[in-house]
Amino acid sequence: MKLKKIPKFKTEEDEREFWATHDSTGYVDYRKAKKAAFPNLKPSTRTISIRLPEALLEHLKTLANKRDIPYQSLLKLFLAERVDEELHEAGK
């Protein structure tokens, strides 16, 4: 099978959009694929600013301290869990 040439992408967003709309089997011979590990790979993040009531922030810091993690990490965990719940409920 002759493989299609993978286009050059100007941005990561362009590449994401391409692969979201194209089947990779026409571009990649998975029989030649090798297992890869990326132990230090971190997801892309964006810094945002959010205003929280002081009492809520103090409660969050207390909970984070009990778990021995930064409060920002705990907030991300709580947000991710809630978003997953909402998406799961919406899919029912």
PDB file of N, CA and C in Angstrom:
ATOM      1  N   MET A   1       0.849  -1.188   0.000  1.00  0.00           N
ATOM      2  CA  MET A   1       0.000   0.000   0.000  1.00  0.00           C
ATOM      3  C   MET A   1       0.887   1.241   0.000  1.00  0.00           C
ATOM      4  N   LYS A   2       0.619   2.163  -0.909  1.00  0.00           N
ATOM      5  CA  LYS A   2       1.379   3.407  -0.983  1.00  0.00           C
ATOM      6  C   LYS A   2       0.785   4.402   0.017  1.00  0.00           C
ATOM      7  N   LEU A   3       1.660   4.933   0.846  1.00  0.00           N
ATOM      8  CA  LEU A   3       1.210   5.872   1.877  1.00  0.00           C
ATOM      9  C   LEU A   3       1.135   7.285   1.327  1.00  0.00           C
ATOM     10  N   LYS A   4       0.183   8.038   1.849  1.00  0.00           N
ATOM     11  CA  LYS A   4       0.060   9.449   1.503  1.00  0.00           C
ATOM     12  C   LYS A   4       1.142  10.218   2.248  1.00  0.00           C
ATOM     13  N   LYS A   5       1.576  11.330   1.680  1.00  0.00           N
ATOM     14  CA  LYS A   5       2.591  12.163   2.325  1.00  0.00           C
ATOM     15  C   LYS A   5       1.934  13.018   3.415  1.00  0.00           C
ATOM     16  N   ILE A   6       2.533  13.029   4.586  1.00  0.00           N
ATOM     17  CA  ILE A   6       2.025  13.859   5.687  1.00  0.00           C
ATOM     18  C   ILE A   6       2.375  15.312   5.378  1.00  0.00           C
ATOM     19  N   PRO A   7       1.394  16.195   5.384  1.00  0.00           N
ATOM     20  CA  PRO A   7       1.678  17.599   5.067  1.00  0.00           C
ATOM     21  C   PRO A   7       2.519  18.282   6.146  1.00  0.00           C
ATOM     22  N   LYS A   8       3.155  19.373   5.757  1.00  0.00           N
ATOM     23  CA  LYS A   8       3.877  20.216   6.720  1.00  0.00           C
ATOM     24  C   LYS A   8       2.839  21.149   7.348  1.00  0.00           C
ATOM     25  N   PHE A   9       2.910  21.295   8.671  1.00  0.00           N
ATOM     26  CA  PHE A   9       1.938  22.118   9.378  1.00  0.00           C
ATOM     27  C   PHE A   9       2.595  23.390   9.882  1.00  0.00           C
ATOM     28  N   LYS A  10       1.872  24.501   9.761  1.00  0.00           N
ATOM     29  CA  LYS A  10       2.397  25.783  10.242  1.00  0.00           C
ATOM     30  C   LYS A  10       2.340  25.867  11.760  1.00  0.00           C
ATOM     31  N   THR A  11       1.289  25.289  12.337  1.00  0.00           N
ATOM     32  CA  THR A  11       1.121  25.357  13.786  1.00  0.00           C
ATOM     33  C   THR A  11       0.676  24.009  14.328  1.00  0.00           C
ATOM     34  N   GLU A  12       0.827  23.846  15.628  1.00  0.00           N
ATOM     35  CA  GLU A  12       0.357  22.632  16.289  1.00  0.00           C
ATOM     36  C   GLU A  12      -1.162  22.529  16.161  1.00  0.00           C
ATOM     37  N   GLU A  13      -1.838  23.641  16.204  1.00  0.00           N
ATOM     38  CA  GLU A  13      -3.300  23.658  16.062  1.00  0.00           C
ATOM     39  C   GLU A  13      -3.714  23.139  14.683  1.00  0.00           C
ATOM     40  N   ASP A  14      -2.976  23.556  13.646  1.00  0.00           N
ATOM     41  CA  ASP A  14      -3.261  23.057  12.296  1.00  0.00           C
ATOM     42  C   ASP A  14      -3.093  21.536  12.245  1.00  0.00           C
ATOM     43  N   GLU A  15      -2.040  21.043  12.884  1.00  0.00           N
ATOM     44  CA  GLU A  15      -1.811  19.594  12.889  1.00  0.00           C
ATOM     45  C   GLU A  15      -2.905  18.865  13.650  1.00  0.00           C
ATOM     46  N   ARG A  16      -3.318  19.399  14.796  1.00  0.00           N
ATOM     47  CA  ARG A  16      -4.403  18.779  15.567  1.00  0.00           C
ATOM     48  C   ARG A  16      -5.676  18.703  14.731  1.00  0.00           C
ATOM     49  N   GLU A  17      -5.986  19.808  14.048  1.00  0.00           N
ATOM     50  CA  GLU A  17      -7.205  19.849  13.225  1.00  0.00           C
ATOM     51  C   GLU A  17      -7.122  18.826  12.089  1.00  0.00           C
ATOM     52  N   PHE A  18      -5.949  18.712  11.471  1.00  0.00           N
ATOM     53  CA  PHE A  18      -5.776  17.752  10.382  1.00  0.00           C
ATOM     54  C   PHE A  18      -6.025  16.332  10.869  1.00  0.00           C
ATOM     55  N   TRP A  19      -5.370  15.932  11.958  1.00  0.00           N
ATOM     56  CA  TRP A  19      -5.499  14.552  12.438  1.00  0.00           C
ATOM     57  C   TRP A  19      -6.876  14.271  13.017  1.00  0.00           C
ATOM     58  N   ALA A  20      -7.573  15.311  13.437  1.00  0.00           N
ATOM     59  CA  ALA A  20      -8.943  15.111  13.939  1.00  0.00           C
ATOM     60  C   ALA A  20      -9.905  14.816  12.802  1.00  0.00           C
ATOM     61  N   THR A  21      -9.508  15.164  11.572  1.00  0.00           N
ATOM     62  CA  THR A  21     -10.410  14.990  10.435  1.00  0.00           C
ATOM     63  C   THR A  21      -9.892  14.003   9.389  1.00  0.00           C
ATOM     64  N   HIS A  22      -8.722  13.385   9.644  1.00  0.00           N
ATOM     65  CA  HIS A  22      -8.144  12.437   8.685  1.00  0.00           C
ATOM     66  C   HIS A  22      -7.786  11.131   9.378  1.00  0.00           C
ATOM     67  N   ASP A  23      -7.958  10.039   8.673  1.00  0.00           N
ATOM     68  CA  ASP A  23      -7.598   8.718   9.176  1.00  0.00           C
ATOM     69  C   ASP A  23      -6.099   8.517   8.987  1.00  0.00           C
ATOM     70  N   SER A  24      -5.387   8.270  10.055  1.00  0.00           N
ATOM     71  CA  SER A  24      -3.924   8.150   9.990  1.00  0.00           C
ATOM     72  C   SER A  24      -3.444   6.897   9.268  1.00  0.00           C
ATOM     73  N   THR A  25      -4.309   5.902   9.092  1.00  0.00           N
ATOM     74  CA  THR A  25      -3.859   4.656   8.459  1.00  0.00           C
ATOM     75  C   THR A  25      -3.430   4.863   7.009  1.00  0.00           C
ATOM     76  N   GLY A  26      -3.884   5.900   6.369  1.00  0.00           N
ATOM     77  CA  GLY A  26      -3.459   6.204   5.011  1.00  0.00           C
ATOM     78  C   GLY A  26      -2.099   6.885   4.964  1.00  0.00           C
ATOM     79  N   TYR A  27      -1.610   7.321   6.128  1.00  0.00           N
ATOM     80  CA  TYR A  27      -0.374   8.082   6.203  1.00  0.00           C
ATOM     81  C   TYR A  27       0.748   7.364   6.949  1.00  0.00           C
ATOM     82  N   VAL A  28       0.396   6.385   7.773  1.00  0.00           N
ATOM     83  CA  VAL A  28       1.377   5.733   8.649  1.00  0.00           C
ATOM     84  C   VAL A  28       1.276   4.214   8.492  1.00  0.00           C
ATOM     85  N   ASP A  29       2.426   3.554   8.357  1.00  0.00           N
ATOM     86  CA  ASP A  29       2.467   2.096   8.321  1.00  0.00           C
ATOM     87  C   ASP A  29       2.707   1.615   9.749  1.00  0.00           C
ATOM     88  N   TYR A  30       1.625   1.247  10.427  1.00  0.00           N
ATOM     89  CA  TYR A  30       1.724   0.876  11.842  1.00  0.00           C
ATOM     90  C   TYR A  30       2.443  -0.446  12.060  1.00  0.00           C
ATOM     91  N   ARG A  31       2.665  -1.218  10.993  1.00  0.00           N
ATOM     92  CA  ARG A  31       3.431  -2.458  11.136  1.00  0.00           C
ATOM     93  C   ARG A  31       4.897  -2.161  11.444  1.00  0.00           C
ATOM     94  N   LYS A  32       5.344  -0.977  11.087  1.00  0.00           N
ATOM     95  CA  LYS A  32       6.741  -0.586  11.334  1.00  0.00           C
ATOM     96  C   LYS A  32       6.871   0.261  12.602  1.00  0.00           C
ATOM     97  N   ALA A  33       5.789   0.464  13.300  1.00  0.00           N
ATOM     98  CA  ALA A  33       5.808   1.312  14.493  1.00  0.00           C
ATOM     99  C   ALA A  33       6.614   0.667  15.611  1.00  0.00           C
ATOM    100  N   LYS A  34       7.255   1.514  16.395  1.00  0.00           N
ATOM    101  CA  LYS A  34       8.011   1.060  17.561  1.00  0.00           C
ATOM    102  C   LYS A  34       7.404   1.709  18.801  1.00  0.00           C
ATOM    103  N   LYS A  35       7.431   0.968  19.883  1.00  0.00           N
ATOM    104  CA  LYS A  35       6.887   1.479  21.134  1.00  0.00           C
ATOM    105  C   LYS A  35       7.770   2.621  21.633  1.00  0.00           C
ATOM    106  N   ALA A  36       7.143   3.673  22.088  1.00  0.00           N
ATOM    107  CA  ALA A  36       7.869   4.836  22.592  1.00  0.00           C
ATOM    108  C   ALA A  36       7.343   5.199  23.972  1.00  0.00           C
ATOM    109  N   ALA A  37       8.218   5.734  24.778  1.00  0.00           N
ATOM    110  CA  ALA A  37       7.834   6.204  26.109  1.00  0.00           C
ATOM    111  C   ALA A  37       8.243   7.661  26.238  1.00  0.00           C
ATOM    112  N   PHE A  38       7.379   8.451  26.815  1.00  0.00           N
ATOM    113  CA  PHE A  38       7.635   9.866  27.021  1.00  0.00           C
ATOM    114  C   PHE A  38       7.421  10.189  28.503  1.00  0.00           C
ATOM    115  N   PRO A  39       8.342   9.807  29.367  1.00  0.00           N
ATOM    116  CA  PRO A  39       8.122   9.944  30.803  1.00  0.00           C
ATOM    117  C   PRO A  39       8.041  11.384  31.298  1.00  0.00           C
ATOM    118  N   ASN A  40       8.629  12.310  30.579  1.00  0.00           N
ATOM    119  CA  ASN A  40       8.632  13.701  31.047  1.00  0.00           C
ATOM    120  C   ASN A  40       7.663  14.597  30.288  1.00  0.00           C
ATOM    121  N   LEU A  41       6.787  13.984  29.497  1.00  0.00           N
ATOM    122  CA  LEU A  41       5.839  14.749  28.703  1.00  0.00           C
ATOM    123  C   LEU A  41       4.768  15.345  29.608  1.00  0.00           C
ATOM    124  N   LYS A  42       4.555  16.627  29.442  1.00  0.00           N
ATOM    125  CA  LYS A  42       3.531  17.309  30.227  1.00  0.00           C
ATOM    126  C   LYS A  42       2.500  17.901  29.277  1.00  0.00           C
ATOM    127  N   PRO A  43       1.231  17.881  29.668  1.00  0.00           N
ATOM    128  CA  PRO A  43       0.214  18.463  28.789  1.00  0.00           C
ATOM    129  C   PRO A  43       0.407  19.974  28.658  1.00  0.00           C
ATOM    130  N   SER A  44      -0.007  20.503  27.529  1.00  0.00           N
ATOM    131  CA  SER A  44       0.063  21.950  27.330  1.00  0.00           C
ATOM    132  C   SER A  44      -0.833  22.628  28.358  1.00  0.00           C
ATOM    133  N   THR A  45      -0.343  23.708  28.891  1.00  0.00           N
ATOM    134  CA  THR A  45      -1.127  24.449  29.883  1.00  0.00           C
ATOM    135  C   THR A  45      -1.182  25.919  29.486  1.00  0.00           C
ATOM    136  N   ARG A  46      -2.151  26.600  30.030  1.00  0.00           N
ATOM    137  CA  ARG A  46      -2.291  28.035  29.815  1.00  0.00           C
ATOM    138  C   ARG A  46      -2.538  28.683  31.171  1.00  0.00           C
ATOM    139  N   THR A  47      -1.844  29.754  31.424  1.00  0.00           N
ATOM    140  CA  THR A  47      -2.031  30.486  32.666  1.00  0.00           C
ATOM    141  C   THR A  47      -3.297  31.323  32.564  1.00  0.00           C
ATOM    142  N   ILE A  48      -4.118  31.244  33.617  1.00  0.00           N
ATOM    143  CA  ILE A  48      -5.325  32.062  33.683  1.00  0.00           C
ATOM    144  C   ILE A  48      -5.347  32.787  35.020  1.00  0.00           C
ATOM    145  N   SER A  49      -6.194  33.759  35.097  1.00  0.00           N
ATOM    146  CA  SER A  49      -6.399  34.473  36.349  1.00  0.00           C
ATOM    147  C   SER A  49      -7.834  34.211  36.791  1.00  0.00           C
ATOM    148  N   ILE A  50      -7.990  33.861  38.052  1.00  0.00           N
ATOM    149  CA  ILE A  50      -9.335  33.587  38.559  1.00  0.00           C
ATOM    150  C   ILE A  50      -9.467  34.218  39.947  1.00  0.00           C
ATOM    151  N   ARG A  51     -10.562  34.857  40.172  1.00  0.00           N
ATOM    152  CA  ARG A  51     -10.800  35.475  41.479  1.00  0.00           C
ATOM    153  C   ARG A  51     -11.670  34.532  42.298  1.00  0.00           C
ATOM    154  N   LEU A  52     -11.211  34.226  43.495  1.00  0.00           N
ATOM    155  CA  LEU A  52     -11.941  33.347  44.399  1.00  0.00           C
ATOM    156  C   LEU A  52     -12.215  34.089  45.698  1.00  0.00           C
ATOM    157  N   PRO A  53     -13.321  33.795  46.326  1.00  0.00           N
ATOM    158  CA  PRO A  53     -13.556  34.365  47.651  1.00  0.00           C
ATOM    159  C   PRO A  53     -12.426  33.915  48.596  1.00  0.00           C
ATOM    160  N   GLU A  54     -11.989  34.802  49.457  1.00  0.00           N
ATOM    161  CA  GLU A  54     -10.868  34.487  50.350  1.00  0.00           C
ATOM    162  C   GLU A  54     -11.136  33.241  51.185  1.00  0.00           C
ATOM    163  N   ALA A  55     -12.356  33.097  51.672  1.00  0.00           N
ATOM    164  CA  ALA A  55     -12.685  31.929  52.506  1.00  0.00           C
ATOM    165  C   ALA A  55     -12.529  30.634  51.712  1.00  0.00           C
ATOM    166  N   LEU A  56     -12.973  30.638  50.457  1.00  0.00           N
ATOM    167  CA  LEU A  56     -12.842  29.454  49.611  1.00  0.00           C
ATOM    168  C   LEU A  56     -11.372  29.123  49.374  1.00  0.00           C
ATOM    169  N   LEU A  57     -10.567  30.142  49.114  1.00  0.00           N
ATOM    170  CA  LEU A  57      -9.143  29.931  48.902  1.00  0.00           C
ATOM    171  C   LEU A  57      -8.479  29.369  50.161  1.00  0.00           C
ATOM    172  N   GLU A  58      -8.858  29.857  51.306  1.00  0.00           N
ATOM    173  CA  GLU A  58      -8.287  29.343  52.560  1.00  0.00           C
ATOM    174  C   GLU A  58      -8.691  27.884  52.791  1.00  0.00           C
ATOM    175  N   HIS A  59      -9.940  27.554  52.490  1.00  0.00           N
ATOM    176  CA  HIS A  59     -10.385  26.157  52.623  1.00  0.00           C
ATOM    177  C   HIS A  59      -9.608  25.258  51.668  1.00  0.00           C
ATOM    178  N   LEU A  60      -9.406  25.738  50.451  1.00  0.00           N
ATOM    179  CA  LEU A  60      -8.653  24.979  49.459  1.00  0.00           C
ATOM    180  C   LEU A  60      -7.216  24.755  49.932  1.00  0.00           C
ATOM    181  N   LYS A  61      -6.593  25.785  50.473  1.00  0.00           N
ATOM    182  CA  LYS A  61      -5.221  25.663  50.972  1.00  0.00           C
ATOM    183  C   LYS A  61      -5.140  24.681  52.140  1.00  0.00           C
ATOM    184  N   THR A  62      -6.155  24.694  52.990  1.00  0.00           N
ATOM    185  CA  THR A  62      -6.187  23.761  54.123  1.00  0.00           C
ATOM    186  C   THR A  62      -6.283  22.323  53.627  1.00  0.00           C
ATOM    187  N   LEU A  63      -7.181  22.081  52.680  1.00  0.00           N
ATOM    188  CA  LEU A  63      -7.323  20.736  52.119  1.00  0.00           C
ATOM    189  C   LEU A  63      -6.039  20.292  51.412  1.00  0.00           C
ATOM    190  N   ALA A  64      -5.425  21.199  50.688  1.00  0.00           N
ATOM    191  CA  ALA A  64      -4.184  20.869  49.980  1.00  0.00           C
ATOM    192  C   ALA A  64      -3.069  20.560  50.972  1.00  0.00           C
ATOM    193  N   ASN A  65      -3.010  21.319  52.031  1.00  0.00           N
ATOM    194  CA  ASN A  65      -1.982  21.096  53.054  1.00  0.00           C
ATOM    195  C   ASN A  65      -2.133  19.713  53.682  1.00  0.00           C
ATOM    196  N   LYS A  66      -3.373  19.285  53.929  1.00  0.00           N
ATOM    197  CA  LYS A  66      -3.623  17.951  54.484  1.00  0.00           C
ATOM    198  C   LYS A  66      -3.143  16.853  53.544  1.00  0.00           C
ATOM    199  N   ARG A  67      -3.206  17.125  52.224  1.00  0.00           N
ATOM    200  CA  ARG A  67      -2.768  16.140  51.232  1.00  0.00           C
ATOM    201  C   ARG A  67      -1.300  16.330  50.847  1.00  0.00           C
ATOM    202  N   ASP A  68      -0.694  17.371  51.376  1.00  0.00           N
ATOM    203  CA  ASP A  68       0.702  17.688  51.111  1.00  0.00           C
ATOM    204  C   ASP A  68       0.959  17.930  49.621  1.00  0.00           C
ATOM    205  N   ILE A  69       0.063  18.710  49.011  1.00  0.00           N
ATOM    206  CA  ILE A  69       0.235  19.115  47.618  1.00  0.00           C
ATOM    207  C   ILE A  69      -0.048  20.611  47.505  1.00  0.00           C
ATOM    208  N   PRO A  70       0.463  21.269  46.469  1.00  0.00           N
ATOM    209  CA  PRO A  70       0.155  22.694  46.282  1.00  0.00           C
ATOM    210  C   PRO A  70      -1.340  22.900  46.036  1.00  0.00           C
ATOM    211  N   TYR A  71      -1.859  24.013  46.534  1.00  0.00           N
ATOM    212  CA  TYR A  71      -3.297  24.238  46.387  1.00  0.00           C
ATOM    213  C   TYR A  71      -3.710  24.381  44.922  1.00  0.00           C
ATOM    214  N   GLN A  72      -2.802  24.900  44.067  1.00  0.00           N
ATOM    215  CA  GLN A  72      -3.134  25.007  42.652  1.00  0.00           C
ATOM    216  C   GLN A  72      -3.339  23.616  42.042  1.00  0.00           C
ATOM    217  N   SER A  73      -2.521  22.660  42.462  1.00  0.00           N
ATOM    218  CA  SER A  73      -2.663  21.288  41.959  1.00  0.00           C
ATOM    219  C   SER A  73      -3.978  20.676  42.410  1.00  0.00           C
ATOM    220  N   LEU A  74      -4.346  20.924  43.649  1.00  0.00           N
ATOM    221  CA  LEU A  74      -5.616  20.408  44.151  1.00  0.00           C
ATOM    222  C   LEU A  74      -6.785  21.040  43.411  1.00  0.00           C
ATOM    223  N   LEU A  75      -6.692  22.320  43.140  1.00  0.00           N
ATOM    224  CA  LEU A  75      -7.752  22.999  42.396  1.00  0.00           C
ATOM    225  C   LEU A  75      -7.893  22.398  40.994  1.00  0.00           C
ATOM    226  N   LYS A  76      -6.770  22.129  40.319  1.00  0.00           N
ATOM    227  CA  LYS A  76      -6.822  21.496  38.994  1.00  0.00           C
ATOM    228  C   LYS A  76      -7.458  20.110  39.080  1.00  0.00           C
ATOM    229  N   LEU A  77      -7.116  19.371  40.127  1.00  0.00           N
ATOM    230  CA  LEU A  77      -7.685  18.038  40.317  1.00  0.00           C
ATOM    231  C   LEU A  77      -9.202  18.131  40.500  1.00  0.00           C
ATOM    232  N   PHE A  78      -9.640  19.033  41.381  1.00  0.00           N
ATOM    233  CA  PHE A  78     -11.076  19.207  41.616  1.00  0.00           C
ATOM    234  C   PHE A  78     -11.801  19.614  40.329  1.00  0.00           C
ATOM    235  N   LEU A  79     -11.215  20.553  39.581  1.00  0.00           N
ATOM    236  CA  LEU A  79     -11.838  21.000  38.344  1.00  0.00           C
ATOM    237  C   LEU A  79     -11.928  19.860  37.324  1.00  0.00           C
ATOM    238  N   ALA A  80     -10.849  19.104  37.179  1.00  0.00           N
ATOM    239  CA  ALA A  80     -10.834  17.992  36.222  1.00  0.00           C
ATOM    240  C   ALA A  80     -11.887  16.950  36.588  1.00  0.00           C
ATOM    241  N   GLU A  81     -11.990  16.623  37.873  1.00  0.00           N
ATOM    242  CA  GLU A  81     -12.977  15.638  38.310  1.00  0.00           C
ATOM    243  C   GLU A  81     -14.393  16.122  38.013  1.00  0.00           C
ATOM    244  N   ARG A  82     -14.653  17.384  38.294  1.00  0.00           N
ATOM    245  CA  ARG A  82     -16.001  17.919  38.085  1.00  0.00           C
ATOM    246  C   ARG A  82     -16.345  18.003  36.597  1.00  0.00           C
ATOM    247  N   VAL A  83     -15.394  18.425  35.794  1.00  0.00           N
ATOM    248  CA  VAL A  83     -15.630  18.502  34.352  1.00  0.00           C
ATOM    249  C   VAL A  83     -15.904  17.109  33.803  1.00  0.00           C
ATOM    250  N   ASP A  84     -15.137  16.117  34.244  1.00  0.00           N
ATOM    251  CA  ASP A  84     -15.381  14.732  33.814  1.00  0.00           C
ATOM    252  C   ASP A  84     -16.782  14.274  34.201  1.00  0.00           C
ATOM    253  N   GLU A  85     -17.203  14.597  35.426  1.00  0.00           N
ATOM    254  CA  GLU A  85     -18.552  14.233  35.878  1.00  0.00           C
ATOM    255  C   GLU A  85     -19.612  14.873  34.985  1.00  0.00           C
ATOM    256  N   GLU A  86     -19.444  16.161  34.701  1.00  0.00           N
ATOM    257  CA  GLU A  86     -20.420  16.877  33.898  1.00  0.00           C
ATOM    258  C   GLU A  86     -20.477  16.306  32.482  1.00  0.00           C
ATOM    259  N   LEU A  87     -19.329  16.002  31.907  1.00  0.00           N
ATOM    260  CA  LEU A  87     -19.289  15.442  30.559  1.00  0.00           C
ATOM    261  C   LEU A  87     -19.901  14.050  30.540  1.00  0.00           C
ATOM    262  N   HIS A  88     -19.637  13.281  31.580  1.00  0.00           N
ATOM    263  CA  HIS A  88     -20.202  11.929  31.672  1.00  0.00           C
ATOM    264  C   HIS A  88     -21.722  12.003  31.779  1.00  0.00           C
ATOM    265  N   GLU A  89     -22.215  12.910  32.587  1.00  0.00           N
ATOM    266  CA  GLU A  89     -23.665  13.071  32.759  1.00  0.00           C
ATOM    267  C   GLU A  89     -24.306  13.564  31.464  1.00  0.00           C
ATOM    268  N   ALA A  90     -23.624  14.457  30.756  1.00  0.00           N
ATOM    269  CA  ALA A  90     -24.171  14.995  29.503  1.00  0.00           C
ATOM    270  C   ALA A  90     -24.245  13.921  28.433  1.00  0.00           C
ATOM    271  N   GLY A  91     -23.350  12.923  28.522  1.00  0.00           N
ATOM    272  CA  GLY A  91     -23.327  11.859  27.530  1.00  0.00           C
ATOM    273  C   GLY A  91     -24.361  10.787  27.741  1.00  0.00           C
ATOM    274  N   LYS A  92     -25.052  10.816  28.853  1.00  0.00           N
ATOM    275  CA  LYS A  92     -26.054   9.786  29.140  1.00  0.00           C
ATOM    276  C   LYS A  92     -27.326  10.004  28.373  1.00  0.00           C
TER     277      LYS A  92
END
